[in-house]
């Protein structure tokens, strides 16, 4: 199953803010950097998944990011 980083009513900047808050709540001092890296990773793999028409790319990246 593919995961989506989409929240109703949130644009990309709102997504970064939301993810930053999640990292901050875990006590991370680098929460903004982590949020940008996470959103960038998913945006990039989404582009590659669509370009190569290979949903396994998204699945693999999702598993990598969970570690």
N, C-alpha and C. Protein backbone atom coordinates (compact mmCIF):
# COMPACT_ATOMS: atom_id res chain seq x y z
N UNK A 1 0.84 -1.17 0.00
CA UNK A 1 0.00 0.00 0.00
C UNK A 1 0.90 1.25 0.00
N UNK A 2 0.55 2.20 -0.80
CA UNK A 2 1.32 3.44 -0.84
C UNK A 2 0.83 4.38 0.25
N UNK A 3 1.77 5.13 0.80
CA UNK A 3 1.42 6.12 1.81
C UNK A 3 1.41 7.48 1.15
N UNK A 4 0.55 8.31 1.60
CA UNK A 4 0.44 9.66 1.06
C UNK A 4 0.76 10.66 2.14
N UNK A 5 1.57 11.66 1.82
CA UNK A 5 1.82 12.76 2.74
C UNK A 5 0.94 13.93 2.32
N UNK A 6 -0.33 13.72 2.39
CA UNK A 6 -1.28 14.77 2.03
C UNK A 6 -2.28 14.93 3.16
N UNK A 7 -2.51 16.15 3.52
CA UNK A 7 -3.49 16.45 4.54
C UNK A 7 -4.47 17.43 3.95
N UNK A 8 -5.76 17.21 4.15
CA UNK A 8 -6.75 18.13 3.59
C UNK A 8 -6.49 19.56 4.01
N UNK A 9 -6.51 20.46 3.05
CA UNK A 9 -6.38 21.88 3.34
C UNK A 9 -4.96 22.34 3.62
N UNK A 10 -3.98 21.50 3.40
CA UNK A 10 -2.59 21.89 3.65
C UNK A 10 -1.83 21.93 2.33
N UNK A 11 -1.15 23.04 2.10
CA UNK A 11 -0.24 23.10 0.96
C UNK A 11 1.12 22.57 1.40
N UNK A 12 2.10 22.62 0.51
CA UNK A 12 3.41 22.07 0.85
C UNK A 12 4.02 22.76 2.08
N UNK A 13 3.90 24.07 2.17
CA UNK A 13 4.45 24.79 3.33
C UNK A 13 3.75 24.33 4.61
N UNK A 14 2.46 24.13 4.55
CA UNK A 14 1.71 23.64 5.70
C UNK A 14 2.13 22.23 6.09
N UNK A 15 2.44 21.42 5.10
CA UNK A 15 2.92 20.06 5.38
C UNK A 15 4.25 20.11 6.10
N UNK A 16 5.16 20.96 5.63
CA UNK A 16 6.46 21.07 6.29
C UNK A 16 6.28 21.52 7.73
N UNK A 17 5.41 22.50 7.95
CA UNK A 17 5.16 22.98 9.32
C UNK A 17 4.62 21.86 10.20
N UNK A 18 3.68 21.08 9.66
CA UNK A 18 3.08 19.99 10.44
C UNK A 18 4.12 18.94 10.78
N UNK A 19 4.92 18.54 9.80
CA UNK A 19 5.96 17.53 10.04
C UNK A 19 6.99 18.07 11.03
N UNK A 20 7.35 19.34 10.90
CA UNK A 20 8.28 19.96 11.84
C UNK A 20 7.75 19.86 13.27
N UNK A 21 6.47 20.12 13.46
CA UNK A 21 5.87 20.03 14.79
C UNK A 21 5.95 18.60 15.33
N UNK A 22 5.79 17.62 14.46
CA UNK A 22 5.87 16.23 14.90
C UNK A 22 7.28 15.90 15.38
N UNK A 23 8.29 16.33 14.63
CA UNK A 23 9.67 16.09 15.05
C UNK A 23 10.00 16.86 16.32
N UNK A 24 9.49 18.09 16.42
CA UNK A 24 9.73 18.89 17.62
C UNK A 24 9.11 18.21 18.84
N UNK A 25 7.93 17.62 18.68
CA UNK A 25 7.27 16.94 19.80
C UNK A 25 8.06 15.71 20.25
N UNK A 26 8.94 15.21 19.39
CA UNK A 26 9.81 14.09 19.75
C UNK A 26 11.12 14.59 20.35
N UNK A 27 11.22 15.92 20.53
CA UNK A 27 12.40 16.48 21.16
C UNK A 27 13.57 16.72 20.24
N UNK A 28 13.32 16.74 18.94
CA UNK A 28 14.41 16.95 18.00
C UNK A 28 14.70 18.43 17.83
N UNK A 29 15.94 18.82 18.02
CA UNK A 29 16.35 20.20 17.85
C UNK A 29 16.51 20.60 16.39
N UNK A 30 16.62 19.61 15.53
CA UNK A 30 16.78 19.86 14.10
C UNK A 30 15.48 19.56 13.34
N UNK A 31 14.36 19.84 14.00
CA UNK A 31 13.05 19.45 13.47
C UNK A 31 12.74 20.06 12.10
N UNK A 32 13.13 21.32 11.87
CA UNK A 32 12.85 21.95 10.57
C UNK A 32 13.64 21.25 9.46
N UNK A 33 14.91 20.99 9.71
CA UNK A 33 15.73 20.30 8.71
C UNK A 33 15.19 18.91 8.40
N UNK A 34 14.80 18.19 9.44
CA UNK A 34 14.24 16.85 9.25
C UNK A 34 12.94 16.89 8.47
N UNK A 35 12.11 17.87 8.76
CA UNK A 35 10.83 18.01 8.06
C UNK A 35 11.06 18.26 6.57
N UNK A 36 11.97 19.15 6.25
CA UNK A 36 12.26 19.45 4.85
C UNK A 36 12.83 18.22 4.15
N UNK A 37 13.74 17.50 4.83
CA UNK A 37 14.32 16.30 4.24
C UNK A 37 13.26 15.23 3.98
N UNK A 38 12.33 15.05 4.92
CA UNK A 38 11.29 14.05 4.75
C UNK A 38 10.36 14.40 3.59
N UNK A 39 9.89 15.63 3.55
CA UNK A 39 9.00 16.04 2.47
C UNK A 39 9.74 15.96 1.12
N UNK A 40 11.00 16.39 1.09
CA UNK A 40 11.78 16.33 -0.14
C UNK A 40 11.95 14.89 -0.63
N UNK A 41 12.20 13.98 0.31
CA UNK A 41 12.37 12.57 -0.06
C UNK A 41 11.09 12.03 -0.69
N UNK A 42 9.95 12.33 -0.07
CA UNK A 42 8.69 11.83 -0.63
C UNK A 42 8.32 12.51 -1.94
N UNK A 43 8.60 13.79 -2.07
CA UNK A 43 8.33 14.48 -3.34
C UNK A 43 9.20 13.89 -4.45
N UNK A 44 10.47 13.66 -4.13
CA UNK A 44 11.39 13.11 -5.13
C UNK A 44 11.01 11.71 -5.56
N UNK A 45 10.69 10.85 -4.60
CA UNK A 45 10.35 9.48 -4.95
C UNK A 45 9.00 9.43 -5.66
N UNK A 46 8.12 10.36 -5.35
CA UNK A 46 6.85 10.44 -6.07
C UNK A 46 7.09 10.75 -7.54
N UNK A 47 7.97 11.69 -7.80
CA UNK A 47 8.31 12.03 -9.18
C UNK A 47 8.90 10.83 -9.91
N UNK A 48 9.85 10.15 -9.28
CA UNK A 48 10.46 8.98 -9.92
C UNK A 48 9.46 7.85 -10.12
N UNK A 49 8.61 7.63 -9.12
CA UNK A 49 7.59 6.58 -9.24
C UNK A 49 6.70 6.83 -10.44
N UNK A 50 6.27 8.07 -10.61
CA UNK A 50 5.41 8.41 -11.75
C UNK A 50 6.18 8.37 -13.06
N UNK A 51 7.40 8.85 -13.07
CA UNK A 51 8.19 8.87 -14.30
C UNK A 51 8.46 7.47 -14.81
N UNK A 52 8.85 6.58 -13.92
CA UNK A 52 9.19 5.21 -14.32
C UNK A 52 8.02 4.25 -14.21
N UNK A 53 6.88 4.76 -13.77
CA UNK A 53 5.67 3.94 -13.62
C UNK A 53 5.96 2.66 -12.82
N UNK A 54 6.63 2.88 -11.69
CA UNK A 54 7.06 1.76 -10.86
C UNK A 54 6.70 2.03 -9.40
N UNK A 55 5.53 1.57 -8.95
CA UNK A 55 5.11 1.82 -7.57
C UNK A 55 6.02 1.19 -6.53
N UNK A 56 6.83 0.21 -6.92
CA UNK A 56 7.75 -0.40 -5.97
C UNK A 56 8.80 0.61 -5.48
N UNK A 57 9.09 1.62 -6.29
CA UNK A 57 10.02 2.66 -5.85
C UNK A 57 9.48 3.38 -4.62
N UNK A 58 8.20 3.71 -4.63
CA UNK A 58 7.57 4.40 -3.50
C UNK A 58 7.56 3.50 -2.27
N UNK A 59 7.24 2.25 -2.47
CA UNK A 59 7.20 1.29 -1.37
C UNK A 59 8.58 1.15 -0.74
N UNK A 60 9.59 1.01 -1.56
CA UNK A 60 10.95 0.87 -1.05
C UNK A 60 11.42 2.09 -0.29
N UNK A 61 11.11 3.28 -0.80
CA UNK A 61 11.50 4.51 -0.11
C UNK A 61 10.76 4.66 1.21
N UNK A 62 9.50 4.29 1.22
CA UNK A 62 8.73 4.33 2.46
C UNK A 62 9.36 3.45 3.54
N UNK A 63 9.78 2.25 3.14
CA UNK A 63 10.42 1.34 4.09
C UNK A 63 11.76 1.90 4.56
N UNK A 64 12.51 2.51 3.65
CA UNK A 64 13.80 3.09 4.02
C UNK A 64 13.61 4.21 5.04
N UNK A 65 12.62 5.05 4.81
CA UNK A 65 12.39 6.19 5.69
C UNK A 65 11.86 5.76 7.06
N UNK A 66 11.22 4.62 7.13
CA UNK A 66 10.72 4.11 8.42
C UNK A 66 11.87 3.70 9.34
N UNK A 67 13.01 3.37 8.76
CA UNK A 67 14.15 2.94 9.59
C UNK A 67 14.72 4.09 10.26
